[in-house]
Amino acid sequence: MLLNTLFLLGFIAAFIVYFATPNRTPFFIICGVSIVIKLIEYGIRFFG
């Protein structure tokens, strides 16, 4: 539940950053962290 909430907050932050800044580097960093969080959640559900 916590990891899913963190993923959704990361998605919202990435969405805002994508349209707010012309530089795409922060967007890619936030997206990458969000995807890693989602993969960790998936791993816990699959193997746990």
PDB file of N, CA and C in Angstrom:
ATOM      1  N   MET A   1       0.829  -1.196   0.000  1.00  0.00           N
ATOM      2  CA  MET A   1       0.000   0.000   0.000  1.00  0.00           C
ATOM      3  C   MET A   1       0.872   1.257   0.000  1.00  0.00           C
ATOM      4  N   LEU A   2       1.903   1.258   0.850  1.00  0.00           N
ATOM      5  CA  LEU A   2       2.792   2.413   0.923  1.00  0.00           C
ATOM      6  C   LEU A   2       3.564   2.588  -0.381  1.00  0.00           C
ATOM      7  N   LEU A   3       4.061   1.490  -0.936  1.00  0.00           N
ATOM      8  CA  LEU A   3       4.830   1.588  -2.178  1.00  0.00           C
ATOM      9  C   LEU A   3       3.951   2.035  -3.337  1.00  0.00           C
ATOM     10  N   ASN A   4       2.713   1.597  -3.359  1.00  0.00           N
ATOM     11  CA  ASN A   4       1.794   2.018  -4.410  1.00  0.00           C
ATOM     12  C   ASN A   4       1.501   3.511  -4.295  1.00  0.00           C
ATOM     13  N   THR A   5       1.352   4.003  -3.076  1.00  0.00           N
ATOM     14  CA  THR A   5       1.133   5.430  -2.861  1.00  0.00           C
ATOM     15  C   THR A   5       2.345   6.237  -3.302  1.00  0.00           C
ATOM     16  N   LEU A   6       3.547   5.754  -2.982  1.00  0.00           N
ATOM     17  CA  LEU A   6       4.760   6.436  -3.421  1.00  0.00           C
ATOM     18  C   LEU A   6       4.868   6.452  -4.945  1.00  0.00           C
ATOM     19  N   PHE A   7       4.481   5.344  -5.580  1.00  0.00           N
ATOM     20  CA  PHE A   7       4.496   5.287  -7.039  1.00  0.00           C
ATOM     21  C   PHE A   7       3.535   6.317  -7.628  1.00  0.00           C
ATOM     22  N   LEU A   8       2.343   6.412  -7.076  1.00  0.00           N
ATOM     23  CA  LEU A   8       1.363   7.362  -7.604  1.00  0.00           C
ATOM     24  C   LEU A   8       1.809   8.802  -7.396  1.00  0.00           C
ATOM     25  N   LEU A   9       2.426   9.089  -6.248  1.00  0.00           N
ATOM     26  CA  LEU A   9       2.951  10.436  -6.011  1.00  0.00           C
ATOM     27  C   LEU A   9       4.083  10.750  -6.990  1.00  0.00           C
ATOM     28  N   GLY A  10       4.919   9.761  -7.261  1.00  0.00           N
ATOM     29  CA  GLY A  10       5.978   9.940  -8.254  1.00  0.00           C
ATOM     30  C   GLY A  10       5.422  10.195  -9.641  1.00  0.00           C
ATOM     31  N   PHE A  11       4.362   9.489  -9.979  1.00  0.00           N
ATOM     32  CA  PHE A  11       3.729   9.692 -11.281  1.00  0.00           C
ATOM     33  C   PHE A  11       3.171  11.108 -11.397  1.00  0.00           C
ATOM     34  N   ILE A  12       2.503  11.574 -10.353  1.00  0.00           N
ATOM     35  CA  ILE A  12       1.941  12.931 -10.373  1.00  0.00           C
ATOM     36  C   ILE A  12       3.061  13.967 -10.466  1.00  0.00           C
ATOM     37  N   ALA A  13       4.139  13.756  -9.703  1.00  0.00           N
ATOM     38  CA  ALA A  13       5.267  14.679  -9.754  1.00  0.00           C
ATOM     39  C   ALA A  13       5.901  14.681 -11.139  1.00  0.00           C
ATOM     40  N   ALA A  14       6.058  13.519 -11.744  1.00  0.00           N
ATOM     41  CA  ALA A  14       6.639  13.434 -13.084  1.00  0.00           C
ATOM     42  C   ALA A  14       5.745  14.135 -14.112  1.00  0.00           C
ATOM     43  N   PHE A  15       4.458  13.966 -13.977  1.00  0.00           N
ATOM     44  CA  PHE A  15       3.506  14.611 -14.887  1.00  0.00           C
ATOM     45  C   PHE A  15       3.628  16.129 -14.805  1.00  0.00           C
ATOM     46  N   ILE A  16       3.715  16.647 -13.583  1.00  0.00           N
ATOM     47  CA  ILE A  16       3.835  18.091 -13.393  1.00  0.00           C
ATOM     48  C   ILE A  16       5.173  18.597 -13.929  1.00  0.00           C
ATOM     49  N   VAL A  17       6.253  17.873 -13.611  1.00  0.00           N
ATOM     50  CA  VAL A  17       7.583  18.295 -14.054  1.00  0.00           C
ATOM     51  C   VAL A  17       7.681  18.256 -15.577  1.00  0.00           C
ATOM     52  N   TYR A  18       7.056  17.287 -16.207  1.00  0.00           N
ATOM     53  CA  TYR A  18       7.121  17.165 -17.668  1.00  0.00           C
ATOM     54  C   TYR A  18       6.595  18.423 -18.350  1.00  0.00           C
ATOM     55  N   PHE A  19       5.478  18.959 -17.848  1.00  0.00           N
ATOM     56  CA  PHE A  19       4.887  20.129 -18.479  1.00  0.00           C
ATOM     57  C   PHE A  19       5.404  21.448 -17.914  1.00  0.00           C
ATOM     58  N   ALA A  20       6.048  21.417 -16.745  1.00  0.00           N
ATOM     59  CA  ALA A  20       6.487  22.657 -16.102  1.00  0.00           C
ATOM     60  C   ALA A  20       7.888  23.087 -16.522  1.00  0.00           C
ATOM     61  N   THR A  21       8.737  22.155 -16.908  1.00  0.00           N
ATOM     62  CA  THR A  21      10.117  22.506 -17.231  1.00  0.00           C
ATOM     63  C   THR A  21      10.473  22.051 -18.641  1.00  0.00           C
ATOM     64  N   PRO A  22      11.279  22.846 -19.334  1.00  0.00           N
ATOM     65  CA  PRO A  22      11.716  22.420 -20.672  1.00  0.00           C
ATOM     66  C   PRO A  22      12.821  21.358 -20.605  1.00  0.00           C
ATOM     67  N   ASN A  23      13.503  21.267 -19.463  1.00  0.00           N
ATOM     68  CA  ASN A  23      14.559  20.269 -19.289  1.00  0.00           C
ATOM     69  C   ASN A  23      13.918  18.934 -18.915  1.00  0.00           C
ATOM     70  N   ARG A  24      14.236  17.876 -19.629  1.00  0.00           N
ATOM     71  CA  ARG A  24      13.596  16.576 -19.403  1.00  0.00           C
ATOM     72  C   ARG A  24      14.343  15.692 -18.410  1.00  0.00           C
ATOM     73  N   THR A  25      15.538  16.088 -17.975  1.00  0.00           N
ATOM     74  CA  THR A  25      16.321  15.242 -17.072  1.00  0.00           C
ATOM     75  C   THR A  25      15.602  14.971 -15.750  1.00  0.00           C
ATOM     76  N   PRO A  26      15.023  15.983 -15.061  1.00  0.00           N
ATOM     77  CA  PRO A  26      14.304  15.671 -13.815  1.00  0.00           C
ATOM     78  C   PRO A  26      13.113  14.735 -14.039  1.00  0.00           C
ATOM     79  N   PHE A  27      12.461  14.880 -15.175  1.00  0.00           N
ATOM     80  CA  PHE A  27      11.342  14.003 -15.510  1.00  0.00           C
ATOM     81  C   PHE A  27      11.795  12.556 -15.596  1.00  0.00           C
ATOM     82  N   PHE A  28      12.916  12.314 -16.283  1.00  0.00           N
ATOM     83  CA  PHE A  28      13.422  10.949 -16.433  1.00  0.00           C
ATOM     84  C   PHE A  28      13.873  10.371 -15.096  1.00  0.00           C
ATOM     85  N   ILE A  29      14.450  11.193 -14.239  1.00  0.00           N
ATOM     86  CA  ILE A  29      14.880  10.723 -12.919  1.00  0.00           C
ATOM     87  C   ILE A  29      13.672  10.329 -12.077  1.00  0.00           C
ATOM     88  N   ILE A  30      12.656  11.184 -12.056  1.00  0.00           N
ATOM     89  CA  ILE A  30      11.452  10.889 -11.259  1.00  0.00           C
ATOM     90  C   ILE A  30      10.755   9.650 -11.808  1.00  0.00           C
ATOM     91  N   CYS A  31      10.653   9.539 -13.122  1.00  0.00           N
ATOM     92  CA  CYS A  31      10.033   8.353 -13.724  1.00  0.00           C
ATOM     93  C   CYS A  31      10.815   7.092 -13.388  1.00  0.00           C
ATOM     94  N   GLY A  32      12.128   7.171 -13.462  1.00  0.00           N
ATOM     95  CA  GLY A  32      12.960   6.011 -13.152  1.00  0.00           C
ATOM     96  C   GLY A  32      12.786   5.553 -11.715  1.00  0.00           C
ATOM     97  N   VAL A  33      12.759   6.493 -10.792  1.00  0.00           N
ATOM     98  CA  VAL A  33      12.567   6.140  -9.380  1.00  0.00           C
ATOM     99  C   VAL A  33      11.178   5.542  -9.180  1.00  0.00           C
ATOM    100  N   SER A  34      10.174   6.110  -9.817  1.00  0.00           N
ATOM    101  CA  SER A  34       8.813   5.584  -9.687  1.00  0.00           C
ATOM    102  C   SER A  34       8.702   4.163 -10.235  1.00  0.00           C
ATOM    103  N   ILE A  35       9.353   3.905 -11.352  1.00  0.00           N
ATOM    104  CA  ILE A  35       9.310   2.563 -11.932  1.00  0.00           C
ATOM    105  C   ILE A  35      10.028   1.564 -11.040  1.00  0.00           C
ATOM    106  N   VAL A  36      11.151   1.973 -10.454  1.00  0.00           N
ATOM    107  CA  VAL A  36      11.872   1.085  -9.528  1.00  0.00           C
ATOM    108  C   VAL A  36      11.001   0.769  -8.316  1.00  0.00           C
ATOM    109  N   ILE A  37      10.296   1.765  -7.791  1.00  0.00           N
ATOM    110  CA  ILE A  37       9.395   1.527  -6.656  1.00  0.00           C
ATOM    111  C   ILE A  37       8.303   0.538  -7.047  1.00  0.00           C
ATOM    112  N   LYS A  38       7.752   0.687  -8.244  1.00  0.00           N
ATOM    113  CA  LYS A  38       6.700  -0.234  -8.694  1.00  0.00           C
ATOM    114  C   LYS A  38       7.252  -1.647  -8.868  1.00  0.00           C
ATOM    115  N   LEU A  39       8.469  -1.777  -9.384  1.00  0.00           N
ATOM    116  CA  LEU A  39       9.076  -3.099  -9.535  1.00  0.00           C
ATOM    117  C   LEU A  39       9.335  -3.753  -8.179  1.00  0.00           C
ATOM    118  N   ILE A  40       9.745  -2.963  -7.191  1.00  0.00           N
ATOM    119  CA  ILE A  40       9.939  -3.502  -5.837  1.00  0.00           C
ATOM    120  C   ILE A  40       8.606  -3.990  -5.281  1.00  0.00           C
ATOM    121  N   GLU A  41       7.555  -3.211  -5.472  1.00  0.00           N
ATOM    122  CA  GLU A  41       6.230  -3.636  -5.006  1.00  0.00           C
ATOM    123  C   GLU A  41       5.802  -4.931  -5.696  1.00  0.00           C
ATOM    124  N   TYR A  42       6.032  -5.016  -6.988  1.00  0.00           N
ATOM    125  CA  TYR A  42       5.683  -6.216  -7.734  1.00  0.00           C
ATOM    126  C   TYR A  42       6.470  -7.422  -7.226  1.00  0.00           C
ATOM    127  N   GLY A  43       7.751  -7.219  -6.975  1.00  0.00           N
ATOM    128  CA  GLY A  43       8.586  -8.303  -6.454  1.00  0.00           C
ATOM    129  C   GLY A  43       8.122  -8.785  -5.100  1.00  0.00           C
ATOM    130  N   ILE A  44       7.742  -7.868  -4.234  1.00  0.00           N
ATOM    131  CA  ILE A  44       7.239  -8.254  -2.906  1.00  0.00           C
ATOM    132  C   ILE A  44       5.943  -9.037  -3.037  1.00  0.00           C
ATOM    133  N   ARG A  45       5.061  -8.595  -3.929  1.00  0.00           N
ATOM    134  CA  ARG A  45       3.797  -9.332  -4.094  1.00  0.00           C
ATOM    135  C   ARG A  45       4.001 -10.693  -4.743  1.00  0.00           C
ATOM    136  N   PHE A  46       4.917 -10.767  -5.707  1.00  0.00           N
ATOM    137  CA  PHE A  46       5.123 -12.013  -6.440  1.00  0.00           C
ATOM    138  C   PHE A  46       5.870 -13.042  -5.590  1.00  0.00           C
ATOM    139  N   PHE A  47       6.924 -12.612  -4.909  1.00  0.00           N
ATOM    140  CA  PHE A  47       7.758 -13.544  -4.160  1.00  0.00           C
ATOM    141  C   PHE A  47       7.407 -13.625  -2.676  1.00  0.00           C
ATOM    142  N   GLY A  48       6.591 -12.697  -2.217  1.00  0.00           N
ATOM    143  CA  GLY A  48       6.303 -12.651  -0.779  1.00  0.00           C
ATOM    144  C   GLY A  48       5.143 -13.452  -0.325  1.00  0.00           C
TER     145      GLY A  48
END
